[in-house]
Amino acid sequence: MSEPALPVTRSVSIDVAASPEQLWSYVSDPSIPARFSSELVEAKFVDGSTAAVGAVIEGRNARSGFEWSTLSTVVMCDEPRLFRWVVGDAAEPTATWSFEVIPDGHAAVLVHTVTLHANKPPLSRAIEQDPDRAHDIVDARIAELLVSMESTIAGIAALAVEIRTD
């Protein structure tokens, strides 16, 4: 029997000529990734919340002619190092996302990670319809996400460096 296609975790990273403290305002603001992602259209804290465990983020996404909204909950907020949120039910999320800022001298490494969990739509429906292609389905989705994740961390790095050098 082959390995299940889900859960799957992937990360992208970039070296940034900025301190973790300088990066924190970008990684802990859910509206920033929407500026660079090809899928995330808008995201914001609900009810005036700020970056803190338990804060709820409302997101709006669009891809391939489909639009959908999500509710996410911040599950880790360790300033200036880690900002993590889960999509959907916090106990059984559809996906877990994070930004981790790793100090590196006077600079930092920014790591953006996603975990897609098993038995959650929409991937679970696609896998149920074509179980022999489960790995191909997941690989294709991950490839799409990685492109947006790379754009997002590059955009955040550019913002942080732009502010730092002004």
Foldseek 3Di string as FASTA:
>chain_A
DDDFLDFDKDKDKDWFLAFLQLLQVQFQAVQQLCVFFPWWPGKGWPPPDGRDFQTKMKTWTDDPHDIDIWIKTFHDDDPSAKTKIFTDDPVQGQKIWMWGWADDPRITMIMIMMTGGPPDPDLNVVCVVPVVCSNVSSVVVVVSVVVSNVRSVVSSSVVSVVVVVD
